[in-house]
Amino acid sequence: MKLDTDSVIIRCPYCGESSEVVIDLSVAHQEYVEDCFVCCRPMIISVYIEEDSLRVEAKSETE
């Protein structure tokens, strides 16, 4: 069984470094915490899928 996924480049809200995250396209709205690969601080990743658009946001815990 093949999962529908896509990869997106996000920017860490703390250190500004870019990293790649893999998004599961089968869930329309997702929110989870992932540590930055560079500074190790927790980012809140929000994913919104509508029709043919994909929006991914990375926020700090205080935003």
C-alpha atoms as a PDB file:
ATOM      1  CA  MET A   1       0.000   0.000   0.000  1.00  0.00           C
ATOM      2  CA  LYS A   2       1.488   3.333  -1.097  1.00  0.00           C
ATOM      3  CA  LEU A   3       0.929   6.402   1.055  1.00  0.00           C
ATOM      4  CA  ASP A   4       0.446   9.782  -0.607  1.00  0.00           C
ATOM      5  CA  THR A   5       3.159  12.041   0.722  1.00  0.00           C
ATOM      6  CA  ASP A   6       4.945  15.212  -0.299  1.00  0.00           C
ATOM      7  CA  SER A   7       8.044  16.895   1.021  1.00  0.00           C
ATOM      8  CA  VAL A   8       8.179  20.592   1.880  1.00  0.00           C
ATOM      9  CA  ILE A   9      11.017  22.884   2.925  1.00  0.00           C
ATOM     10  CA  ILE A  10      10.290  24.838   6.116  1.00  0.00           C
ATOM     11  CA  ARG A  11      12.289  27.460   7.987  1.00  0.00           C
ATOM     12  CA  CYS A  12      12.917  27.153  11.719  1.00  0.00           C
ATOM     13  CA  PRO A  13      11.258  30.056  13.594  1.00  0.00           C
ATOM     14  CA  TYR A  14      14.170  30.094  16.082  1.00  0.00           C
ATOM     15  CA  CYS A  15      17.419  29.799  14.106  1.00  0.00           C
ATOM     16  CA  GLY A  16      16.157  30.396  10.544  1.00  0.00           C
ATOM     17  CA  GLU A  17      17.691  27.233   9.085  1.00  0.00           C
ATOM     18  CA  SER A  18      15.766  25.379   6.383  1.00  0.00           C
ATOM     19  CA  SER A  19      14.845  21.714   6.659  1.00  0.00           C
ATOM     20  CA  GLU A  20      12.665  19.249   4.813  1.00  0.00           C
ATOM     21  CA  VAL A  21       9.549  17.658   6.313  1.00  0.00           C
ATOM     22  CA  VAL A  22       7.443  14.883   4.798  1.00  0.00           C
ATOM     23  CA  ILE A  23       3.688  15.565   4.735  1.00  0.00           C
ATOM     24  CA  ASP A  24       0.985  12.884   4.745  1.00  0.00           C
ATOM     25  CA  LEU A  25      -1.474  14.129   2.111  1.00  0.00           C
ATOM     26  CA  SER A  26      -4.307  11.875   3.294  1.00  0.00           C
ATOM     27  CA  VAL A  27      -5.078  14.137   6.301  1.00  0.00           C
ATOM     28  CA  ALA A  28      -6.535  17.589   5.525  1.00  0.00           C
ATOM     29  CA  HIS A  29      -5.434  19.337   8.742  1.00  0.00           C
ATOM     30  CA  GLN A  30      -2.499  18.284  10.876  1.00  0.00           C
ATOM     31  CA  GLU A  31      -0.582  19.840  13.729  1.00  0.00           C
ATOM     32  CA  TYR A  32       2.419  18.263  15.399  1.00  0.00           C
ATOM     33  CA  VAL A  33       5.703  19.145  17.101  1.00  0.00           C
ATOM     34  CA  GLU A  34       9.051  18.435  15.479  1.00  0.00           C
ATOM     35  CA  ASP A  35      12.478  19.469  16.734  1.00  0.00           C
ATOM     36  CA  CYS A  36      14.678  21.598  14.473  1.00  0.00           C
ATOM     37  CA  PHE A  37      17.527  19.515  13.058  1.00  0.00           C
ATOM     38  CA  VAL A  38      19.997  22.352  13.703  1.00  0.00           C
ATOM     39  CA  CYS A  39      19.105  24.059  17.011  1.00  0.00           C
ATOM     40  CA  CYS A  40      16.941  21.221  18.435  1.00  0.00           C
ATOM     41  CA  ARG A  41      14.165  23.586  19.578  1.00  0.00           C
ATOM     42  CA  PRO A  42      10.554  22.390  19.159  1.00  0.00           C
ATOM     43  CA  MET A  43       8.635  23.769  16.166  1.00  0.00           C
ATOM     44  CA  ILE A  44       4.864  23.505  15.851  1.00  0.00           C
ATOM     45  CA  ILE A  45       4.176  22.312  12.302  1.00  0.00           C
ATOM     46  CA  SER A  46       0.692  23.084  10.950  1.00  0.00           C
ATOM     47  CA  VAL A  47      -0.470  21.559   7.657  1.00  0.00           C
ATOM     48  CA  TYR A  48      -3.538  22.654   5.700  1.00  0.00           C
ATOM     49  CA  ILE A  49      -4.679  20.843   2.562  1.00  0.00           C
ATOM     50  CA  GLU A  50      -7.531  22.329   0.520  1.00  0.00           C
ATOM     51  CA  GLU A  51      -8.479  21.257  -3.009  1.00  0.00           C
ATOM     52  CA  ASP A  52      -5.162  21.491  -4.875  1.00  0.00           C
ATOM     53  CA  SER A  53      -3.263  23.653  -2.371  1.00  0.00           C
ATOM     54  CA  LEU A  54      -0.897  22.707   0.416  1.00  0.00           C
ATOM     55  CA  ARG A  55       0.122  25.181   3.131  1.00  0.00           C
ATOM     56  CA  VAL A  56       2.681  24.336   5.802  1.00  0.00           C
ATOM     57  CA  GLU A  57       3.630  26.664   8.668  1.00  0.00           C
ATOM     58  CA  ALA A  58       6.363  26.307  11.285  1.00  0.00           C
ATOM     59  CA  LYS A  59       5.845  28.319  14.483  1.00  0.00           C
ATOM     60  CA  SER A  60       7.629  28.640  17.791  1.00  0.00           C
ATOM     61  CA  GLU A  61       5.938  27.522  20.990  1.00  0.00           C
ATOM     62  CA  THR A  62       5.251  31.156  21.952  1.00  0.00           C
ATOM     63  CA  GLU A  63       3.548  32.223  18.700  1.00  0.00           C
END
